[in-house]
PDB file of N, CA and C in Angstrom:
ATOM      1  N   MET A   1     -19.147   0.752 -18.908  1.00  0.00           N
ATOM      2  CA  MET A   1     -18.025  -0.008 -18.425  1.00  0.00           C
ATOM      3  C   MET A   1     -18.541  -1.201 -17.621  1.00  0.00           C
ATOM      4  N   ASN A   2     -18.126  -2.388 -17.983  1.00  0.00           N
ATOM      5  CA  ASN A   2     -18.588  -3.598 -17.325  1.00  0.00           C
ATOM      6  C   ASN A   2     -17.519  -4.065 -16.335  1.00  0.00           C
ATOM      7  N   ILE A   3     -17.824  -3.958 -15.055  1.00  0.00           N
ATOM      8  CA  ILE A   3     -16.888  -4.332 -14.005  1.00  0.00           C
ATOM      9  C   ILE A   3     -17.519  -5.430 -13.167  1.00  0.00           C
ATOM     10  N   ASN A   4     -16.734  -6.466 -12.893  1.00  0.00           N
ATOM     11  CA  ASN A   4     -17.187  -7.541 -12.011  1.00  0.00           C
ATOM     12  C   ASN A   4     -16.720  -7.245 -10.594  1.00  0.00           C
ATOM     13  N   PHE A   5     -17.627  -7.388  -9.635  1.00  0.00           N
ATOM     14  CA  PHE A   5     -17.318  -7.143  -8.238  1.00  0.00           C
ATOM     15  C   PHE A   5     -17.396  -8.455  -7.466  1.00  0.00           C
ATOM     16  N   THR A   6     -16.399  -8.718  -6.638  1.00  0.00           N
ATOM     17  CA  THR A   6     -16.461  -9.880  -5.758  1.00  0.00           C
ATOM     18  C   THR A   6     -17.357  -9.536  -4.574  1.00  0.00           C
ATOM     19  N   ASN A   7     -17.787 -10.564  -3.849  1.00  0.00           N
ATOM     20  CA  ASN A   7     -18.612 -10.312  -2.665  1.00  0.00           C
ATOM     21  C   ASN A   7     -17.845  -9.484  -1.640  1.00  0.00           C
ATOM     22  N   HIS A   8     -16.559  -9.758  -1.507  1.00  0.00           N
ATOM     23  CA  HIS A   8     -15.719  -9.006  -0.568  1.00  0.00           C
ATOM     24  C   HIS A   8     -15.689  -7.521  -0.931  1.00  0.00           C
ATOM     25  N   SER A   9     -15.544  -7.227  -2.216  1.00  0.00           N
ATOM     26  CA  SER A   9     -15.481  -5.820  -2.629  1.00  0.00           C
ATOM     27  C   SER A   9     -16.818  -5.115  -2.407  1.00  0.00           C
ATOM     28  N   LYS A  10     -17.923  -5.816  -2.598  1.00  0.00           N
ATOM     29  CA  LYS A  10     -19.236  -5.208  -2.351  1.00  0.00           C
ATOM     30  C   LYS A  10     -19.407  -4.859  -0.879  1.00  0.00           C
ATOM     31  N   VAL A  11     -18.936  -5.753  -0.001  1.00  0.00           N
ATOM     32  CA  VAL A  11     -19.013  -5.494   1.440  1.00  0.00           C
ATOM     33  C   VAL A  11     -18.139  -4.298   1.800  1.00  0.00           C
ATOM     34  N   ARG A  12     -16.924  -4.242   1.270  1.00  0.00           N
ATOM     35  CA  ARG A  12     -16.007  -3.139   1.569  1.00  0.00           C
ATOM     36  C   ARG A  12     -16.540  -1.810   1.037  1.00  0.00           C
ATOM     37  N   MET A  13     -17.157  -1.832  -0.141  1.00  0.00           N
ATOM     38  CA  MET A  13     -17.745  -0.608  -0.688  1.00  0.00           C
ATOM     39  C   MET A  13     -18.845  -0.088   0.232  1.00  0.00           C
ATOM     40  N   GLN A  14     -19.666  -0.992   0.749  1.00  0.00           N
ATOM     41  CA  GLN A  14     -20.749  -0.614   1.653  1.00  0.00           C
ATOM     42  C   GLN A  14     -20.182  -0.066   2.964  1.00  0.00           C
ATOM     43  N   GLN A  15     -19.179  -0.749   3.516  1.00  0.00           N
ATOM     44  CA  GLN A  15     -18.603  -0.333   4.790  1.00  0.00           C
ATOM     45  C   GLN A  15     -17.891   1.007   4.695  1.00  0.00           C
ATOM     46  N   ARG A  16     -17.233   1.258   3.566  1.00  0.00           N
ATOM     47  CA  ARG A  16     -16.398   2.443   3.439  1.00  0.00           C
ATOM     48  C   ARG A  16     -17.069   3.586   2.691  1.00  0.00           C
ATOM     49  N   GLY A  17     -18.300   3.374   2.249  1.00  0.00           N
ATOM     50  CA  GLY A  17     -19.060   4.448   1.619  1.00  0.00           C
ATOM     51  C   GLY A  17     -18.525   4.862   0.264  1.00  0.00           C
ATOM     52  N   ILE A  18     -18.096   3.893  -0.532  1.00  0.00           N
ATOM     53  CA  ILE A  18     -17.589   4.169  -1.877  1.00  0.00           C
ATOM     54  C   ILE A  18     -18.582   3.592  -2.882  1.00  0.00           C
ATOM     55  N   SER A  19     -19.073   4.424  -3.785  1.00  0.00           N
ATOM     56  CA  SER A  19     -20.099   4.004  -4.730  1.00  0.00           C
ATOM     57  C   SER A  19     -19.493   3.337  -5.967  1.00  0.00           C
ATOM     58  N   LYS A  20     -20.340   2.650  -6.724  1.00  0.00           N
ATOM     59  CA  LYS A  20     -19.892   2.023  -7.976  1.00  0.00           C
ATOM     60  C   LYS A  20     -19.446   3.077  -8.978  1.00  0.00           C
ATOM     61  N   THR A  21     -20.101   4.217  -8.967  1.00  0.00           N
ATOM     62  CA  THR A  21     -19.713   5.307  -9.868  1.00  0.00           C
ATOM     63  C   THR A  21     -18.296   5.783  -9.563  1.00  0.00           C
ATOM     64  N   ALA A  22     -17.967   5.901  -8.281  1.00  0.00           N
ATOM     65  CA  ALA A  22     -16.622   6.323  -7.890  1.00  0.00           C
ATOM     66  C   ALA A  22     -15.595   5.261  -8.290  1.00  0.00           C
ATOM     67  N   VAL A  23     -15.922   3.991  -8.124  1.00  0.00           N
ATOM     68  CA  VAL A  23     -15.012   2.907  -8.510  1.00  0.00           C
ATOM     69  C   VAL A  23     -14.756   2.953 -10.016  1.00  0.00           C
ATOM     70  N   GLU A  24     -15.810   3.112 -10.796  1.00  0.00           N
ATOM     71  CA  GLU A  24     -15.653   3.187 -12.250  1.00  0.00           C
ATOM     72  C   GLU A  24     -14.800   4.394 -12.641  1.00  0.00           C
ATOM     73  N   HIS A  25     -15.009   5.517 -11.975  1.00  0.00           N
ATOM     74  CA  HIS A  25     -14.242   6.738 -12.278  1.00  0.00           C
ATOM     75  C   HIS A  25     -12.765   6.538 -11.938  1.00  0.00           C
ATOM     76  N   ILE A  26     -12.477   5.912 -10.797  1.00  0.00           N
ATOM     77  CA  ILE A  26     -11.088   5.668 -10.394  1.00  0.00           C
ATOM     78  C   ILE A  26     -10.403   4.740 -11.384  1.00  0.00           C
ATOM     79  N   ILE A  27     -11.092   3.697 -11.831  1.00  0.00           N
ATOM     80  CA  ILE A  27     -10.491   2.759 -12.785  1.00  0.00           C
ATOM     81  C   ILE A  27     -10.269   3.427 -14.135  1.00  0.00           C
ATOM     82  N   LYS A  28     -11.235   4.218 -14.562  1.00  0.00           N
ATOM     83  CA  LYS A  28     -11.149   4.832 -15.890  1.00  0.00           C
ATOM     84  C   LYS A  28     -10.114   5.954 -15.952  1.00  0.00           C
ATOM     85  N   HIS A  29     -10.015   6.767 -14.902  1.00  0.00           N
ATOM     86  CA  HIS A  29      -9.165   7.963 -14.943  1.00  0.00           C
ATOM     87  C   HIS A  29      -7.968   7.893 -14.006  1.00  0.00           C
ATOM     88  N   GLY A  30      -7.817   6.800 -13.276  1.00  0.00           N
ATOM     89  CA  GLY A  30      -6.742   6.716 -12.296  1.00  0.00           C
ATOM     90  C   GLY A  30      -5.451   6.152 -12.854  1.00  0.00           C
ATOM     91  N   HIS A  31      -4.452   6.190 -12.015  1.00  0.00           N
ATOM     92  CA  HIS A  31      -3.137   5.636 -12.336  1.00  0.00           C
ATOM     93  C   HIS A  31      -3.100   4.197 -11.846  1.00  0.00           C
ATOM     94  N   CYS A  32      -2.313   3.382 -12.505  1.00  0.00           N
ATOM     95  CA  CYS A  32      -2.241   1.960 -12.172  1.00  0.00           C
ATOM     96  C   CYS A  32      -0.840   1.623 -11.670  1.00  0.00           C
ATOM     97  N   GLN A  33      -0.798   0.855 -10.575  1.00  0.00           N
ATOM     98  CA  GLN A  33       0.446   0.289 -10.078  1.00  0.00           C
ATOM     99  C   GLN A  33       0.204  -1.188  -9.825  1.00  0.00           C
ATOM    100  N   PHE A  34       1.227  -1.984 -10.017  1.00  0.00           N
ATOM    101  CA  PHE A  34       1.118  -3.401  -9.716  1.00  0.00           C
ATOM    102  C   PHE A  34       1.497  -3.624  -8.257  1.00  0.00           C
ATOM    103  N   ASP A  35       0.769  -4.504  -7.586  1.00  0.00           N
ATOM    104  CA  ASP A  35       0.989  -4.683  -6.153  1.00  0.00           C
ATOM    105  C   ASP A  35       2.042  -5.731  -5.821  1.00  0.00           C
ATOM    106  N   GLY A  36       2.585  -6.419  -6.809  1.00  0.00           N
ATOM    107  CA  GLY A  36       3.611  -7.419  -6.558  1.00  0.00           C
ATOM    108  C   GLY A  36       3.066  -8.805  -6.304  1.00  0.00           C
ATOM    109  N   HIS A  37       1.747  -8.939  -6.295  1.00  0.00           N
ATOM    110  CA  HIS A  37       1.104 -10.238  -6.078  1.00  0.00           C
ATOM    111  C   HIS A  37       0.164 -10.593  -7.225  1.00  0.00           C
ATOM    112  N   GLY A  38       0.323  -9.935  -8.349  1.00  0.00           N
ATOM    113  CA  GLY A  38      -0.519 -10.206  -9.506  1.00  0.00           C
ATOM    114  C   GLY A  38      -1.718  -9.292  -9.637  1.00  0.00           C
ATOM    115  N   GLY A  39      -1.916  -8.381  -8.711  1.00  0.00           N
ATOM    116  CA  GLY A  39      -3.049  -7.466  -8.759  1.00  0.00           C
ATOM    117  C   GLY A  39      -2.640  -6.095  -9.256  1.00  0.00           C
ATOM    118  N   LYS A  40      -3.647  -5.297  -9.604  1.00  0.00           N
ATOM    119  CA  LYS A  40      -3.424  -3.926 -10.062  1.00  0.00           C
ATOM    120  C   LYS A  40      -4.160  -2.975  -9.125  1.00  0.00           C
ATOM    121  N   ILE A  41      -3.474  -1.936  -8.700  1.00  0.00           N
ATOM    122  CA  ILE A  41      -4.060  -0.942  -7.806  1.00  0.00           C
ATOM    123  C   ILE A  41      -4.277   0.338  -8.600  1.00  0.00           C
ATOM    124  N   TYR A  42      -5.514   0.804  -8.627  1.00  0.00           N
ATOM    125  CA  TYR A  42      -5.869   2.048  -9.308  1.00  0.00           C
ATOM    126  C   TYR A  42      -6.164   3.111  -8.267  1.00  0.00           C
ATOM    127  N   PHE A  43      -5.694   4.327  -8.513  1.00  0.00           N
ATOM    128  CA  PHE A  43      -5.937   5.450  -7.625  1.00  0.00           C
ATOM    129  C   PHE A  43      -5.805   6.730  -8.429  1.00  0.00           C
ATOM    130  N   ILE A  44      -6.360   7.805  -7.907  1.00  0.00           N
ATOM    131  CA  ILE A  44      -6.253   9.115  -8.550  1.00  0.00           C
ATOM    132  C   ILE A  44      -5.344   9.976  -7.684  1.00  0.00           C
ATOM    133  N   LYS A  45      -4.344  10.569  -8.295  1.00  0.00           N
ATOM    134  CA  LYS A  45      -3.404  11.413  -7.559  1.00  0.00           C
ATOM    135  C   LYS A  45      -4.122  12.635  -6.999  1.00  0.00           C
ATOM    136  N   ARG A  46      -3.601  13.143  -5.912  1.00  0.00           N
ATOM    137  CA  ARG A  46      -4.237  14.260  -5.203  1.00  0.00           C
ATOM    138  C   ARG A  46      -4.460  15.470  -6.099  1.00  0.00           C
ATOM    139  N   LYS A  47      -3.477  15.811  -6.917  1.00  0.00           N
ATOM    140  CA  LYS A  47      -3.611  16.999  -7.766  1.00  0.00           C
ATOM    141  C   LYS A  47      -4.630  16.797  -8.881  1.00  0.00           C
ATOM    142  N   ASP A  48      -4.940  15.557  -9.250  1.00  0.00           N
ATOM    143  CA  ASP A  48      -5.890  15.275 -10.320  1.00  0.00           C
ATOM    144  C   ASP A  48      -7.318  15.103  -9.822  1.00  0.00           C
ATOM    145  N   ARG A  49      -7.525  14.984  -8.519  1.00  0.00           N
ATOM    146  CA  ARG A  49      -8.868  14.725  -7.973  1.00  0.00           C
ATOM    147  C   ARG A  49      -9.842  15.867  -8.188  1.00  0.00           C
ATOM    148  N   LYS A  50      -9.337  17.085  -8.241  1.00  0.00           N
ATOM    149  CA  LYS A  50     -10.224  18.244  -8.319  1.00  0.00           C
ATOM    150  C   LYS A  50     -10.726  18.526  -9.729  1.00  0.00           C
ATOM    151  N   TYR A  51     -10.128  17.897 -10.738  1.00  0.00           N
ATOM    152  CA  TYR A  51     -10.523  18.165 -12.117  1.00  0.00           C
ATOM    153  C   TYR A  51     -11.697  17.296 -12.536  1.00  0.00           C
ATOM    154  N   GLN A  52     -12.738  17.934 -12.984  1.00  0.00           N
ATOM    155  CA  GLN A  52     -13.919  17.222 -13.432  1.00  0.00           C
ATOM    156  C   GLN A  52     -13.709  16.754 -14.868  1.00  0.00           C
ATOM    157  N   THR A  53     -14.079  15.520 -15.145  1.00  0.00           N
ATOM    158  CA  THR A  53     -13.980  15.002 -16.505  1.00  0.00           C
ATOM    159  C   THR A  53     -15.294  15.231 -17.230  1.00  0.00           C
ATOM    160  N   SER A  54     -15.247  15.156 -18.530  1.00  0.00           N
ATOM    161  CA  SER A  54     -16.437  15.459 -19.327  1.00  0.00           C
ATOM    162  C   SER A  54     -17.442  14.315 -19.355  1.00  0.00           C
ATOM    163  N   ASP A  55     -17.069  13.124 -18.884  1.00  0.00           N
ATOM    164  CA  ASP A  55     -17.999  11.998 -18.952  1.00  0.00           C
ATOM    165  C   ASP A  55     -18.998  11.967 -17.794  1.00  0.00           C
ATOM    166  N   LEU A  56     -18.822  12.821 -16.782  1.00  0.00           N
ATOM    167  CA  LEU A  56     -19.766  12.899 -15.662  1.00  0.00           C
ATOM    168  C   LEU A  56     -20.357  14.302 -15.571  1.00  0.00           C
ATOM    169  N   PRO A  57     -21.652  14.393 -15.312  1.00  0.00           N
ATOM    170  CA  PRO A  57     -22.239  15.712 -15.074  1.00  0.00           C
ATOM    171  C   PRO A  57     -21.680  16.314 -13.774  1.00  0.00           C
ATOM    172  N   LYS A  58     -21.714  17.615 -13.672  1.00  0.00           N
ATOM    173  CA  LYS A  58     -21.122  18.311 -12.529  1.00  0.00           C
ATOM    174  C   LYS A  58     -21.730  17.850 -11.209  1.00  0.00           C
ATOM    175  N   ARG A  59     -23.021  17.686 -11.172  1.00  0.00           N
ATOM    176  CA  ARG A  59     -23.700  17.276  -9.936  1.00  0.00           C
ATOM    177  C   ARG A  59     -23.254  15.881  -9.495  1.00  0.00           C
ATOM    178  N   LYS A  60     -23.102  14.966 -10.458  1.00  0.00           N
ATOM    179  CA  LYS A  60     -22.650  13.610 -10.160  1.00  0.00           C
ATOM    180  C   LYS A  60     -21.203  13.621  -9.669  1.00  0.00           C
ATOM    181  N   PHE A  61     -20.362  14.435 -10.331  1.00  0.00           N
ATOM    182  CA  PHE A  61     -18.966  14.528  -9.926  1.00  0.00           C
ATOM    183  C   PHE A  61     -18.837  15.084  -8.510  1.00  0.00           C
ATOM    184  N   GLU A  62     -19.620  16.102  -8.185  1.00  0.00           N
ATOM    185  CA  GLU A  62     -19.574  16.684  -6.845  1.00  0.00           C
ATOM    186  C   GLU A  62     -20.010  15.678  -5.784  1.00  0.00           C
ATOM    187  N   SER A  63     -20.926  14.774  -6.140  1.00  0.00           N
ATOM    188  CA  SER A  63     -21.391  13.788  -5.154  1.00  0.00           C
ATOM    189  C   SER A  63     -20.354  12.708  -4.868  1.00  0.00           C
ATOM    190  N   ILE A  64     -19.435  12.442  -5.804  1.00  0.00           N
ATOM    191  CA  ILE A  64     -18.422  11.399  -5.575  1.00  0.00           C
ATOM    192  C   ILE A  64     -17.038  11.985  -5.285  1.00  0.00           C
ATOM    193  N   LYS A  65     -16.926  13.284  -5.250  1.00  0.00           N
ATOM    194  CA  LYS A  65     -15.617  13.933  -5.115  1.00  0.00           C
ATOM    195  C   LYS A  65     -14.864  13.489  -3.864  1.00  0.00           C
ATOM    196  N   LYS A  66     -15.550  13.343  -2.742  1.00  0.00           N
ATOM    197  CA  LYS A  66     -14.895  12.919  -1.506  1.00  0.00           C
ATOM    198  C   LYS A  66     -14.483  11.452  -1.549  1.00  0.00           C
ATOM    199  N   GLN A  67     -15.084  10.671  -2.414  1.00  0.00           N
ATOM    200  CA  GLN A  67     -14.761   9.246  -2.517  1.00  0.00           C
ATOM    201  C   GLN A  67     -13.544   8.993  -3.397  1.00  0.00           C
ATOM    202  N   LEU A  68     -13.069  10.009  -4.090  1.00  0.00           N
ATOM    203  CA  LEU A  68     -11.977   9.826  -5.035  1.00  0.00           C
ATOM    204  C   LEU A  68     -10.606   9.727  -4.371  1.00  0.00           C
ATOM    205  N   ASN A  69     -10.540   9.816  -3.037  1.00  0.00           N
ATOM    206  CA  ASN A  69      -9.271   9.588  -2.358  1.00  0.00           C
ATOM    207  C   ASN A  69      -9.075   8.095  -2.078  1.00  0.00           C
ATOM    208  N   GLY A  70      -9.864   7.263  -2.688  1.00  0.00           N
ATOM    209  CA  GLY A  70      -9.782   5.826  -2.481  1.00  0.00           C
ATOM    210  C   GLY A  70      -8.900   5.129  -3.496  1.00  0.00           C
ATOM    211  N   TYR A  71      -8.788   3.838  -3.314  1.00  0.00           N
ATOM    212  CA  TYR A  71      -8.072   2.993  -4.262  1.00  0.00           C
ATOM    213  C   TYR A  71      -8.918   1.777  -4.574  1.00  0.00           C
ATOM    214  N   VAL A  72      -8.655   1.162  -5.712  1.00  0.00           N
ATOM    215  CA  VAL A  72      -9.379  -0.021  -6.156  1.00  0.00           C
ATOM    216  C   VAL A  72      -8.348  -1.073  -6.536  1.00  0.00           C
ATOM    217  N   VAL A  73      -8.515  -2.286  -6.020  1.00  0.00           N
ATOM    218  CA  VAL A  73      -7.601  -3.379  -6.344  1.00  0.00           C
ATOM    219  C   VAL A  73      -8.327  -4.350  -7.269  1.00  0.00           C
ATOM    220  N   LEU A  74      -7.742  -4.557  -8.462  1.00  0.00           N
ATOM    221  CA  LEU A  74      -8.285  -5.509  -9.427  1.00  0.00           C
ATOM    222  C   LEU A  74      -7.377  -6.721  -9.502  1.00  0.00           C
ATOM    223  N   SER A  75      -7.976  -7.884  -9.730  1.00  0.00           N
ATOM    224  CA  SER A  75      -7.161  -9.080  -9.918  1.00  0.00           C
ATOM    225  C   SER A  75      -6.477  -8.992 -11.274  1.00  0.00           C
ATOM    226  N   GLY A  76      -5.324  -9.576 -11.360  1.00  0.00           N
ATOM    227  CA  GLY A  76      -4.530  -9.464 -12.576  1.00  0.00           C
ATOM    228  C   GLY A  76      -5.061 -10.264 -13.741  1.00  0.00           C
ATOM    229  N   ASN A  77      -5.714 -11.392 -13.456  1.00  0.00           N
ATOM    230  CA  ASN A  77      -6.117 -12.270 -14.558  1.00  0.00           C
ATOM    231  C   ASN A  77      -7.561 -12.100 -15.004  1.00  0.00           C
ATOM    232  N   SER A  78      -8.468 -11.729 -14.124  1.00  0.00           N
ATOM    233  CA  SER A  78      -9.879 -11.663 -14.516  1.00  0.00           C
ATOM    234  C   SER A  78     -10.453 -10.254 -14.491  1.00  0.00           C
ATOM    235  N   ASP A  79      -9.675  -9.270 -14.064  1.00  0.00           N
ATOM    236  CA  ASP A  79     -10.131  -7.887 -13.957  1.00  0.00           C
ATOM    237  C   ASP A  79     -11.392  -7.735 -13.117  1.00  0.00           C
ATOM    238  N   ALA A  80     -11.488  -8.515 -12.042  1.00  0.00           N
ATOM    239  CA  ALA A  80     -12.577  -8.364 -11.078  1.00  0.00           C
ATOM    240  C   ALA A  80     -12.071  -7.500  -9.931  1.00  0.00           C
ATOM    241  N   VAL A  81     -12.952  -6.670  -9.388  1.00  0.00           N
ATOM    242  CA  VAL A  81     -12.585  -5.813  -8.262  1.00  0.00           C
ATOM    243  C   VAL A  81     -12.486  -6.690  -7.018  1.00  0.00           C
ATOM    244  N   LEU A  82     -11.300  -6.707  -6.403  1.00  0.00           N
ATOM    245  CA  LEU A  82     -11.088  -7.517  -5.204  1.00  0.00           C
ATOM    246  C   LEU A  82     -11.460  -6.762  -3.938  1.00  0.00           C
ATOM    247  N   THR A  83     -11.034  -5.503  -3.843  1.00  0.00           N
ATOM    248  CA  THR A  83     -11.340  -4.703  -2.666  1.00  0.00           C
ATOM    249  C   THR A  83     -11.200  -3.225  -3.007  1.00  0.00           C
ATOM    250  N   VAL A  84     -11.749  -2.396  -2.156  1.00  0.00           N
ATOM    251  CA  VAL A  84     -11.633  -0.942  -2.285  1.00  0.00           C
ATOM    252  C   VAL A  84     -11.333  -0.373  -0.902  1.00  0.00           C
ATOM    253  N   GLY A  85     -10.766   0.810  -0.866  1.00  0.00           N
ATOM    254  CA  GLY A  85     -10.473   1.437   0.413  1.00  0.00           C
ATOM    255  C   GLY A  85     -10.113   2.889   0.233  1.00  0.00           C
ATOM    256  N   HIS A  86      -9.855   3.548   1.361  1.00  0.00           N
ATOM    257  CA  HIS A  86      -9.436   4.945   1.358  1.00  0.00           C
ATOM    258  C   HIS A  86      -7.936   5.004   1.557  1.00  0.00           C
ATOM    259  N   LYS A  87      -7.291   5.888   0.816  1.00  0.00           N
ATOM    260  CA  LYS A  87      -5.851   6.073   0.962  1.00  0.00           C
ATOM    261  C   LYS A  87      -5.575   7.022   2.112  1.00  0.00           C
ATOM    262  N   PHE A  88      -4.698   6.611   3.011  1.00  0.00           N
ATOM    263  CA  PHE A  88      -4.259   7.484   4.097  1.00  0.00           C
ATOM    264  C   PHE A  88      -2.794   7.826   3.950  1.00  0.00           C
ATOM    265  N   ARG A  89      -2.047   6.941   3.323  1.00  0.00           N
ATOM    266  CA  ARG A  89      -0.615   7.168   3.130  1.00  0.00           C
ATOM    267  C   ARG A  89      -0.288   7.057   1.659  1.00  0.00           C
ATOM    268  N   ARG A  90       0.832   7.648   1.307  1.00  0.00           N
ATOM    269  CA  ARG A  90       1.306   7.573  -0.066  1.00  0.00           C
ATOM    270  C   ARG A  90       1.746   6.156  -0.381  1.00  0.00           C
ATOM    271  N   ARG A  91       1.406   5.683  -1.568  1.00  0.00           N
ATOM    272  CA  ARG A  91       1.813   4.346  -1.994  1.00  0.00           C
ATOM    273  C   ARG A  91       3.222   4.428  -2.565  1.00  0.00           C
ATOM    274  N   LYS A  92       4.119   3.608  -2.038  1.00  0.00           N
ATOM    275  CA  LYS A  92       5.500   3.582  -2.501  1.00  0.00           C
ATOM    276  C   LYS A  92       5.721   2.332  -3.331  1.00  0.00           C
ATOM    277  N   ASN A  93       6.657   2.411  -4.252  1.00  0.00           N
ATOM    278  CA  ASN A  93       6.967   1.248  -5.089  1.00  0.00           C
ATOM    279  C   ASN A  93       7.787   0.242  -4.333  1.00  0.00           C
TER     280      ASN A  93
END
């Protein structure tokens, strides 16, 4: 999976302890909502976080499991990662 990261998103990933593997997993297996400003927000629902997918080995999945409570914001036109973070509250429409 080829994902472009902005400098801002790289800084946020470092600050918040979210790896590129976790970002790729959230984008590939997460749900998408539009943020109302042209961006797309990807996240994995709480009930789906515990299920391991077949594309990651068990050891790799266990290492990113705590990072899967995050969200990833992609720009609408270029599909570049704008920012990442941890979810503390439920996202409402």
